[in-house]
Amino acid sequence: MGLVRALFPWRADVYSDNATWHSVGGSPEGPGLPDSNVEDPAVWIDKNGVYHAIFHSMDIEGQSNAYLGGHAYSVDGASWVYTGTAYGNRANYTDGSWQTFLRRERPHLLFSEDGTTPIALSNGVQYAVDNVTCTIGGAVSVCDPIFTLVTPIGSPP
């Protein structure tokens, strides 16, 4: 089972063989998540056999802040139900400080030893800093300062 942009589900008989992949739902895109503009889905199956996905939300049902993380679930892997925001742009640090990022994308999960319980979230984050420049190949240009952030699941928002 795999998901592509907008949570269109695909299945394969043999994961490593591109010829065996096919969309679920009859169309090239499959049924997808209605009214969504999401990308970078990370999919897992919980201990009860329910599919879950977190993803970068660029716009879901008119959200005003387009760079949040969303969550959806499916009992069959084909039809998905959007449950809301999974994480925001703010990260709390262990020293009590916090930071709000311009973007928080590319979600990936780290799991406990059972393989079904997420314990940490990894994101590529971008922070907005005015007048930051880099010299690349001799040319000065505006930088896009990004790094990887890992947050324990269950930490304060």
C-alpha atoms as a PDB file:
ATOM      1  CA  MET A   1       0.000   0.000   0.000  1.00  0.00           C
ATOM      2  CA  GLY A   2       1.244   3.475  -0.816  1.00  0.00           C
ATOM      3  CA  LEU A   3      -0.138   6.985  -1.032  1.00  0.00           C
ATOM      4  CA  VAL A   4       0.744   9.761  -3.432  1.00  0.00           C
ATOM      5  CA  ARG A   5      -0.120  13.462  -3.378  1.00  0.00           C
ATOM      6  CA  ALA A   6      -3.718  14.213  -2.220  1.00  0.00           C
ATOM      7  CA  LEU A   7      -3.680  10.755  -0.577  1.00  0.00           C
ATOM      8  CA  PHE A   8      -4.472   8.796  -3.720  1.00  0.00           C
ATOM      9  CA  PRO A   9      -3.988   5.135  -2.693  1.00  0.00           C
ATOM     10  CA  TRP A  10      -1.982   2.639  -4.753  1.00  0.00           C
ATOM     11  CA  ARG A  11      -1.274  -1.049  -4.136  1.00  0.00           C
ATOM     12  CA  ALA A  12       1.367  -3.419  -5.436  1.00  0.00           C
ATOM     13  CA  ASP A  13       1.578  -7.192  -5.536  1.00  0.00           C
ATOM     14  CA  VAL A  14       5.368  -6.903  -5.476  1.00  0.00           C
ATOM     15  CA  TYR A  15       6.623  -3.672  -3.922  1.00  0.00           C
ATOM     16  CA  SER A  16       9.869  -3.599  -5.919  1.00  0.00           C
ATOM     17  CA  ASP A  17       8.164  -4.267  -9.283  1.00  0.00           C
ATOM     18  CA  ASN A  18       6.705  -1.084 -10.834  1.00  0.00           C
ATOM     19  CA  ALA A  19       4.566  -3.165 -13.191  1.00  0.00           C
ATOM     20  CA  THR A  20       2.496  -4.520 -10.269  1.00  0.00           C
ATOM     21  CA  TRP A  21       1.469  -1.114  -8.867  1.00  0.00           C
ATOM     22  CA  HIS A  22      -2.124  -0.057  -9.578  1.00  0.00           C
ATOM     23  CA  SER A  23      -4.446   2.651  -8.280  1.00  0.00           C
ATOM     24  CA  VAL A  24      -7.197   1.758  -5.856  1.00  0.00           C
ATOM     25  CA  GLY A  25     -10.627   2.963  -6.903  1.00  0.00           C
ATOM     26  CA  GLY A  26     -10.513   2.602 -10.669  1.00  0.00           C
ATOM     27  CA  SER A  27      -9.130   5.987 -11.743  1.00  0.00           C
ATOM     28  CA  PRO A  28      -5.442   6.802 -12.282  1.00  0.00           C
ATOM     29  CA  GLU A  29      -5.504   8.786  -9.063  1.00  0.00           C
ATOM     30  CA  GLY A  30      -7.864   6.588  -7.017  1.00  0.00           C
ATOM     31  CA  PRO A  31     -10.451   8.050  -4.633  1.00  0.00           C
ATOM     32  CA  GLY A  32      -8.065  10.299  -2.699  1.00  0.00           C
ATOM     33  CA  LEU A  33      -8.939  12.658   0.119  1.00  0.00           C
ATOM     34  CA  PRO A  34     -11.743  15.025  -0.927  1.00  0.00           C
ATOM     35  CA  ASP A  35     -10.961  18.753  -1.101  1.00  0.00           C
ATOM     36  CA  SER A  36      -7.295  18.347  -0.255  1.00  0.00           C
ATOM     37  CA  ASN A  37      -3.993  19.731  -1.380  1.00  0.00           C
ATOM     38  CA  VAL A  38      -1.549  17.608   0.586  1.00  0.00           C
ATOM     39  CA  GLU A  39       1.833  16.032  -0.084  1.00  0.00           C
ATOM     40  CA  ASP A  40       4.548  13.894   1.484  1.00  0.00           C
ATOM     41  CA  PRO A  41       2.291  11.302   3.152  1.00  0.00           C
ATOM     42  CA  ALA A  42       3.854   8.973   5.710  1.00  0.00           C
ATOM     43  CA  VAL A  43       1.712   5.855   6.166  1.00  0.00           C
ATOM     44  CA  TRP A  44       1.632   3.231   8.913  1.00  0.00           C
ATOM     45  CA  ILE A  45      -0.692   0.550  10.263  1.00  0.00           C
ATOM     46  CA  ASP A  46      -1.480   0.622  13.975  1.00  0.00           C
ATOM     47  CA  LYS A  47      -1.743  -2.431  16.258  1.00  0.00           C
ATOM     48  CA  ASN A  48      -5.474  -2.698  15.414  1.00  0.00           C
ATOM     49  CA  GLY A  49      -4.842  -2.885  11.666  1.00  0.00           C
ATOM     50  CA  VAL A  50      -6.040   0.669  10.940  1.00  0.00           C
ATOM     51  CA  TYR A  51      -4.117   2.676   8.348  1.00  0.00           C
ATOM     52  CA  HIS A  52      -2.916   6.159   9.342  1.00  0.00           C
ATOM     53  CA  ALA A  53      -1.231   8.914   7.364  1.00  0.00           C
ATOM     54  CA  ILE A  54       0.363  12.191   8.349  1.00  0.00           C
ATOM     55  CA  PHE A  55       1.199  14.676   5.637  1.00  0.00           C
ATOM     56  CA  HIS A  56       2.164  18.212   4.798  1.00  0.00           C
ATOM     57  CA  SER A  57      -1.036  20.190   4.308  1.00  0.00           C
ATOM     58  CA  MET A  58      -0.815  22.942   1.740  1.00  0.00           C
ATOM     59  CA  ASP A  59      -4.552  23.643   1.958  1.00  0.00           C
ATOM     60  CA  ILE A  60      -7.271  21.469   3.420  1.00  0.00           C
ATOM     61  CA  GLU A  61     -10.855  22.652   3.402  1.00  0.00           C
ATOM     62  CA  GLY A  62      -9.810  26.298   3.321  1.00  0.00           C
ATOM     63  CA  GLN A  63      -7.265  26.323   6.161  1.00  0.00           C
ATOM     64  CA  SER A  64      -5.751  29.770   6.360  1.00  0.00           C
ATOM     65  CA  ASN A  65      -2.322  28.525   7.436  1.00  0.00           C
ATOM     66  CA  ALA A  66      -1.212  26.229   4.650  1.00  0.00           C
ATOM     67  CA  TYR A  67       1.927  24.770   6.201  1.00  0.00           C
ATOM     68  CA  LEU A  68       0.585  22.494   8.917  1.00  0.00           C
ATOM     69  CA  GLY A  69       0.629  18.731   9.244  1.00  0.00           C
ATOM     70  CA  GLY A  70      -2.591  16.797   8.834  1.00  0.00           C
ATOM     71  CA  HIS A  71      -3.769  13.327   9.813  1.00  0.00           C
ATOM     72  CA  ALA A  72      -6.147  10.890   8.133  1.00  0.00           C
ATOM     73  CA  TYR A  73      -7.089   7.271   8.752  1.00  0.00           C
ATOM     74  CA  SER A  74      -8.553   4.416   6.730  1.00  0.00           C
ATOM     75  CA  VAL A  75      -9.938   1.030   7.718  1.00  0.00           C
ATOM     76  CA  ASP A  76      -9.374  -0.438   4.242  1.00  0.00           C
ATOM     77  CA  GLY A  77      -6.476   1.616   2.826  1.00  0.00           C
ATOM     78  CA  ALA A  78      -8.708   2.951   0.038  1.00  0.00           C
ATOM     79  CA  SER A  79     -11.144   5.441   1.607  1.00  0.00           C
ATOM     80  CA  TRP A  80      -9.550   8.063   3.854  1.00  0.00           C
ATOM     81  CA  VAL A  81     -11.082  10.251   6.567  1.00  0.00           C
ATOM     82  CA  TYR A  82      -9.383  13.554   7.411  1.00  0.00           C
ATOM     83  CA  THR A  83      -9.264  14.055  11.196  1.00  0.00           C
ATOM     84  CA  GLY A  84      -7.597  17.457  11.436  1.00  0.00           C
ATOM     85  CA  THR A  85      -4.274  19.027  12.292  1.00  0.00           C
ATOM     86  CA  ALA A  86      -1.584  16.640  13.524  1.00  0.00           C
ATOM     87  CA  TYR A  87       1.068  19.279  14.221  1.00  0.00           C
ATOM     88  CA  GLY A  88       1.599  22.986  13.785  1.00  0.00           C
ATOM     89  CA  ASN A  89       4.537  25.213  12.944  1.00  0.00           C
ATOM     90  CA  ARG A  90       5.640  25.759  16.540  1.00  0.00           C
ATOM     91  CA  ALA A  91       8.313  23.607  18.186  1.00  0.00           C
ATOM     92  CA  ASN A  92       8.958  23.581  21.932  1.00  0.00           C
ATOM     93  CA  TYR A  93      12.520  22.915  23.061  1.00  0.00           C
ATOM     94  CA  THR A  94      13.643  21.106  26.216  1.00  0.00           C
ATOM     95  CA  ASP A  95      15.082  24.323  27.701  1.00  0.00           C
ATOM     96  CA  GLY A  96      11.609  25.916  27.704  1.00  0.00           C
ATOM     97  CA  SER A  97      12.176  28.041  24.615  1.00  0.00           C
ATOM     98  CA  TRP A  98      10.158  27.667  21.430  1.00  0.00           C
ATOM     99  CA  GLN A  99      10.277  28.637  17.781  1.00  0.00           C
ATOM    100  CA  THR A 100       7.638  29.115  15.090  1.00  0.00           C
ATOM    101  CA  PHE A 101       8.725  28.055  11.621  1.00  0.00           C
ATOM    102  CA  LEU A 102       7.669  29.392   8.267  1.00  0.00           C
ATOM    103  CA  ARG A 103       7.247  25.802   7.034  1.00  0.00           C
ATOM    104  CA  ARG A 104       7.243  22.351   8.594  1.00  0.00           C
ATOM    105  CA  GLU A 105       7.203  19.744   5.840  1.00  0.00           C
ATOM    106  CA  ARG A 106       8.247  16.183   4.875  1.00  0.00           C
ATOM    107  CA  PRO A 107       6.921  14.345   7.949  1.00  0.00           C
ATOM    108  CA  HIS A 108       8.476  11.026   8.900  1.00  0.00           C
ATOM    109  CA  LEU A 109       7.800   8.973  12.001  1.00  0.00           C
ATOM    110  CA  LEU A 110      10.057   7.001  14.310  1.00  0.00           C
ATOM    111  CA  PHE A 111       8.398   4.012  15.985  1.00  0.00           C
ATOM    112  CA  SER A 112       8.694   2.123  19.251  1.00  0.00           C
ATOM    113  CA  GLU A 113      10.010  -1.432  19.218  1.00  0.00           C
ATOM    114  CA  ASP A 114       6.529  -2.794  18.425  1.00  0.00           C
ATOM    115  CA  GLY A 115       6.720  -1.065  15.019  1.00  0.00           C
ATOM    116  CA  THR A 116       3.194   0.354  15.269  1.00  0.00           C
ATOM    117  CA  THR A 117       3.436   3.093  17.895  1.00  0.00           C
ATOM    118  CA  PRO A 118       4.917   6.433  16.735  1.00  0.00           C
ATOM    119  CA  ILE A 119       7.288   7.945  19.315  1.00  0.00           C
ATOM    120  CA  ALA A 120       8.827  10.881  17.415  1.00  0.00           C
ATOM    121  CA  LEU A 121       8.142  13.084  14.404  1.00  0.00           C
ATOM    122  CA  SER A 122      10.852  14.268  12.023  1.00  0.00           C
ATOM    123  CA  ASN A 123      10.262  17.268   9.738  1.00  0.00           C
ATOM    124  CA  GLY A 124      12.200  19.462   7.393  1.00  0.00           C
ATOM    125  CA  VAL A 125      11.664  22.967   8.774  1.00  0.00           C
ATOM    126  CA  GLN A 126      12.295  26.390   7.302  1.00  0.00           C
ATOM    127  CA  TYR A 127      12.631  29.493   9.410  1.00  0.00           C
ATOM    128  CA  ALA A 128      12.225  32.991   8.096  1.00  0.00           C
ATOM    129  CA  VAL A 129      15.234  35.257   8.572  1.00  0.00           C
ATOM    130  CA  ASP A 130      15.438  38.585   6.787  1.00  0.00           C
ATOM    131  CA  ASN A 131      18.448  39.438   4.650  1.00  0.00           C
ATOM    132  CA  VAL A 132      20.210  36.063   4.869  1.00  0.00           C
ATOM    133  CA  THR A 133      22.406  35.516   1.819  1.00  0.00           C
ATOM    134  CA  CYS A 134      24.709  32.752   0.646  1.00  0.00           C
ATOM    135  CA  THR A 135      27.387  32.607  -2.013  1.00  0.00           C
ATOM    136  CA  ILE A 136      26.815  29.638  -4.271  1.00  0.00           C
ATOM    137  CA  GLY A 137      29.068  29.189  -7.294  1.00  0.00           C
ATOM    138  CA  GLY A 138      30.338  32.726  -6.883  1.00  0.00           C
ATOM    139  CA  ALA A 139      26.830  34.239  -7.009  1.00  0.00           C
ATOM    140  CA  VAL A 140      25.214  35.846  -3.981  1.00  0.00           C
ATOM    141  CA  SER A 141      21.591  34.828  -3.489  1.00  0.00           C
ATOM    142  CA  VAL A 142      18.943  34.682  -0.782  1.00  0.00           C
ATOM    143  CA  CYS A 143      19.326  31.566   1.386  1.00  0.00           C
ATOM    144  CA  ASP A 144      16.576  29.163   2.277  1.00  0.00           C
ATOM    145  CA  PRO A 145      17.654  28.175   5.802  1.00  0.00           C
ATOM    146  CA  ILE A 146      16.314  24.692   6.497  1.00  0.00           C
ATOM    147  CA  PHE A 147      17.172  21.869   8.883  1.00  0.00           C
ATOM    148  CA  THR A 148      15.736  18.601  10.223  1.00  0.00           C
ATOM    149  CA  LEU A 149      13.723  18.810  13.436  1.00  0.00           C
ATOM    150  CA  VAL A 150      12.860  15.752  15.546  1.00  0.00           C
ATOM    151  CA  THR A 151      10.070  16.150  18.105  1.00  0.00           C
ATOM    152  CA  PRO A 152       8.920  13.508  20.609  1.00  0.00           C
ATOM    153  CA  ILE A 153       5.265  12.515  20.106  1.00  0.00           C
ATOM    154  CA  GLY A 154       3.123  13.737  22.964  1.00  0.00           C
ATOM    155  CA  SER A 155       5.227  16.810  23.726  1.00  0.00           C
ATOM    156  CA  PRO A 156       3.383  20.117  24.260  1.00  0.00           C
ATOM    157  CA  PRO A 157       2.156  21.810  21.049  1.00  0.00           C
END
